[in-house]
C-alpha atoms as a PDB file:
ATOM      1  CA  VAL A   1     100.717 119.963  92.485  1.00  0.00           C
ATOM      2  CA  GLN A   2     103.513 119.173  94.915  1.00  0.00           C
ATOM      3  CA  LEU A   3     106.387 116.736  94.712  1.00  0.00           C
ATOM      4  CA  VAL A   4     108.499 116.520  97.850  1.00  0.00           C
ATOM      5  CA  GLU A   5     111.699 114.508  97.649  1.00  0.00           C
ATOM      6  CA  SER A   6     113.619 113.409 100.735  1.00  0.00           C
ATOM      7  CA  GLY A   7     116.163 110.881 101.927  1.00  0.00           C
ATOM      8  CA  GLY A   8     119.319 112.293 100.401  1.00  0.00           C
ATOM      9  CA  GLY A   9     122.551 112.858 102.271  1.00  0.00           C
ATOM     10  CA  LEU A  10     126.253 112.142 102.451  1.00  0.00           C
ATOM     11  CA  VAL A  11     127.243 108.500 102.111  1.00  0.00           C
ATOM     12  CA  GLN A  12     130.519 106.654 101.588  1.00  0.00           C
ATOM     13  CA  PRO A  13     131.185 104.749  98.378  1.00  0.00           C
ATOM     14  CA  GLY A  14     129.520 101.361  98.553  1.00  0.00           C
ATOM     15  CA  GLY A  15     126.812 102.656 100.853  1.00  0.00           C
ATOM     16  CA  SER A  16     123.040 102.837 100.419  1.00  0.00           C
ATOM     17  CA  LEU A  17     120.299 105.423 100.538  1.00  0.00           C
ATOM     18  CA  ARG A  18     116.549 105.284 100.041  1.00  0.00           C
ATOM     19  CA  LEU A  19     114.916 108.293  98.464  1.00  0.00           C
ATOM     20  CA  SER A  20     111.215 109.064  98.809  1.00  0.00           C
ATOM     21  CA  CYS A  21     108.957 111.365  96.833  1.00  0.00           C
ATOM     22  CA  VAL A  22     105.509 112.234  98.164  1.00  0.00           C
ATOM     23  CA  ALA A  23     103.123 113.560  95.533  1.00  0.00           C
ATOM     24  CA  SER A  24      99.942 115.573  95.912  1.00  0.00           C
ATOM     25  CA  GLY A  25      97.579 117.580  93.746  1.00  0.00           C
ATOM     26  CA  PHE A  26      97.097 114.975  91.028  1.00  0.00           C
ATOM     27  CA  THR A  27      95.835 111.405  90.787  1.00  0.00           C
ATOM     28  CA  PHE A  28      99.160 109.757  91.617  1.00  0.00           C
ATOM     29  CA  SER A  29      98.016 106.218  90.877  1.00  0.00           C
ATOM     30  CA  SER A  30      97.175 107.145  87.280  1.00  0.00           C
ATOM     31  CA  TYR A  31     100.633 108.378  86.350  1.00  0.00           C
ATOM     32  CA  PRO A  32     103.890 106.636  85.557  1.00  0.00           C
ATOM     33  CA  MET A  33     106.675 108.149  87.638  1.00  0.00           C
ATOM     34  CA  ARG A  34     110.356 108.766  87.034  1.00  0.00           C
ATOM     35  CA  TRP A  35     113.458 109.651  88.994  1.00  0.00           C
ATOM     36  CA  TYR A  36     115.955 112.011  87.395  1.00  0.00           C
ATOM     37  CA  ARG A  37     119.280 113.383  88.579  1.00  0.00           C
ATOM     38  CA  GLN A  38     121.412 116.389  87.805  1.00  0.00           C
ATOM     39  CA  ALA A  39     125.082 116.534  88.644  1.00  0.00           C
ATOM     40  CA  PRO A  40     126.963 119.851  88.801  1.00  0.00           C
ATOM     41  CA  GLY A  41     127.626 121.179  85.311  1.00  0.00           C
ATOM     42  CA  LYS A  42     125.588 118.435  83.655  1.00  0.00           C
ATOM     43  CA  GLU A  43     122.112 118.159  82.211  1.00  0.00           C
ATOM     44  CA  ARG A  44     119.302 116.459  84.102  1.00  0.00           C
ATOM     45  CA  SER A  45     119.133 112.782  83.124  1.00  0.00           C
ATOM     46  CA  LEU A  46     116.688 109.931  83.573  1.00  0.00           C
ATOM     47  CA  VAL A  47     117.597 107.430  86.276  1.00  0.00           C
ATOM     48  CA  ALA A  48     114.581 105.128  86.545  1.00  0.00           C
ATOM     49  CA  GLY A  49     110.901 104.864  85.668  1.00  0.00           C
ATOM     50  CA  ILE A  50     107.905 102.899  86.858  1.00  0.00           C
ATOM     51  CA  THR A  51     104.449 102.373  85.399  1.00  0.00           C
ATOM     52  CA  SER A  52     101.322 103.640  87.141  1.00  0.00           C
ATOM     53  CA  ALA A  53     100.521 100.293  88.777  1.00  0.00           C
ATOM     54  CA  GLY A  54     104.154  99.485  89.410  1.00  0.00           C
ATOM     55  CA  GLY A  55     104.220  96.429  87.211  1.00  0.00           C
ATOM     56  CA  SER A  56     107.073  97.530  84.979  1.00  0.00           C
ATOM     57  CA  THR A  57     110.283  99.428  85.603  1.00  0.00           C
ATOM     58  CA  ASN A  58     113.199 100.681  83.565  1.00  0.00           C
ATOM     59  CA  TYR A  59     116.661 101.987  84.455  1.00  0.00           C
ATOM     60  CA  ALA A  60     119.551 103.911  83.014  1.00  0.00           C
ATOM     61  CA  ASP A  61     122.428 101.577  82.174  1.00  0.00           C
ATOM     62  CA  SER A  62     124.611 103.328  84.734  1.00  0.00           C
ATOM     63  CA  VAL A  63     122.374 102.266  87.648  1.00  0.00           C
ATOM     64  CA  LYS A  64     121.052  98.868  86.539  1.00  0.00           C
ATOM     65  CA  GLY A  65     121.542  96.247  89.191  1.00  0.00           C
ATOM     66  CA  ARG A  66     122.222  98.863  91.895  1.00  0.00           C
ATOM     67  CA  PHE A  67     119.058 101.006  92.044  1.00  0.00           C
ATOM     68  CA  THR A  68     115.450  99.903  92.473  1.00  0.00           C
ATOM     69  CA  ILE A  69     112.402 102.078  91.856  1.00  0.00           C
ATOM     70  CA  SER A  70     109.116 101.240  93.558  1.00  0.00           C
ATOM     71  CA  ARG A  71     105.879 102.940  94.503  1.00  0.00           C
ATOM     72  CA  ASP A  72     103.081 102.812  97.047  1.00  0.00           C
ATOM     73  CA  ASN A  73      99.932 104.228  95.487  1.00  0.00           C
ATOM     74  CA  ALA A  74      98.116 104.161  98.830  1.00  0.00           C
ATOM     75  CA  LYS A  75     100.726 106.600 100.152  1.00  0.00           C
ATOM     76  CA  ASN A  76     101.171 108.620  96.937  1.00  0.00           C
ATOM     77  CA  THR A  77     104.867 107.876  97.209  1.00  0.00           C
ATOM     78  CA  VAL A  78     107.578 106.710  94.840  1.00  0.00           C
ATOM     79  CA  TYR A  79     110.891 105.385  96.153  1.00  0.00           C
ATOM     80  CA  LEU A  80     114.401 104.920  94.853  1.00  0.00           C
ATOM     81  CA  GLN A  81     116.543 102.393  96.700  1.00  0.00           C
ATOM     82  CA  MET A  82     120.165 103.064  95.859  1.00  0.00           C
ATOM     83  CA  ASN A  83     122.810 100.468  96.721  1.00  0.00           C
ATOM     84  CA  SER A  84     126.529 100.175  95.969  1.00  0.00           C
ATOM     85  CA  LEU A  85     126.714 103.928  95.545  1.00  0.00           C
ATOM     86  CA  LYS A  86     129.593 105.431  93.591  1.00  0.00           C
ATOM     87  CA  PRO A  87     131.028 108.963  93.580  1.00  0.00           C
ATOM     88  CA  GLU A  88     129.581 109.440  90.105  1.00  0.00           C
ATOM     89  CA  ASP A  89     126.089 109.029  91.591  1.00  0.00           C
ATOM     90  CA  THR A  90     126.532 112.398  93.311  1.00  0.00           C
ATOM     91  CA  ALA A  91     123.719 114.659  92.111  1.00  0.00           C
ATOM     92  CA  VAL A  92     120.450 116.286  93.018  1.00  0.00           C
ATOM     93  CA  TYR A  93     117.695 113.717  92.558  1.00  0.00           C
ATOM     94  CA  TYR A  94     114.206 114.657  91.403  1.00  0.00           C
ATOM     95  CA  CYS A  95     110.962 112.759  90.888  1.00  0.00           C
ATOM     96  CA  LYS A  96     108.405 113.588  88.244  1.00  0.00           C
ATOM     97  CA  GLY A  97     105.150 112.264  86.909  1.00  0.00           C
ATOM     98  CA  ILE A  98     105.090 111.610  83.175  1.00  0.00           C
ATOM     99  CA  GLY A  99     102.750 114.241  81.756  1.00  0.00           C
ATOM    100  CA  VAL A 100     102.744 116.254  84.984  1.00  0.00           C
ATOM    101  CA  PRO A 101     104.504 119.571  84.270  1.00  0.00           C
ATOM    102  CA  TYR A 102     105.958 120.117  87.727  1.00  0.00           C
ATOM    103  CA  TRP A 103     109.227 119.371  89.491  1.00  0.00           C
ATOM    104  CA  GLY A 104     110.011 119.112  93.167  1.00  0.00           C
ATOM    105  CA  GLN A 105     112.925 120.814  94.869  1.00  0.00           C
ATOM    106  CA  GLY A 106     115.067 117.709  94.682  1.00  0.00           C
ATOM    107  CA  THR A 107     117.215 115.990  97.286  1.00  0.00           C
ATOM    108  CA  GLN A 108     121.018 116.104  97.317  1.00  0.00           C
ATOM    109  CA  VAL A 109     122.946 112.843  97.240  1.00  0.00           C
ATOM    110  CA  THR A 110     126.684 113.067  97.825  1.00  0.00           C
ATOM    111  CA  VAL A 111     128.871 109.966  97.615  1.00  0.00           C
ATOM    112  CA  SER A 112     132.296 110.633  99.031  1.00  0.00           C
ATOM    113  CA  SER A 113     134.823 109.182 101.432  1.00  0.00           C
END
C-alpha cells in the first residue's frame, strides 16, 4: 500500500492550495477516504472525509466553507482544495483510507506572510 501526498507549500494568508493524494496497493474505489492534519506540538486531527463513490462529504468545523474534498476513482486520487487559508491551517497534511492501516509521508502546508 502506498499513499503519496503532494501539493503543499508556502502560501500567504487568504491564498489557496490544492493537495493531491495518489493511492496504490488497495482497491481505492471501495474505500472512504479522509484528510488529516498535524500541527507542531498537536495531535493529528480529521480535516475532511469523503465516501467511496464521492457522494457524501464531511468537514471539521474549522474548515467548513473553505476546504473541499473530492476524488477521482479512475485516477486513484483524492484531493483537498483549500481556499482562504489561515495561519492556523499550517500543518502536515495526510490522507488515509478508512480501514486501511497505512499513512503516507504527508505534505507540509505553511500559511504565513
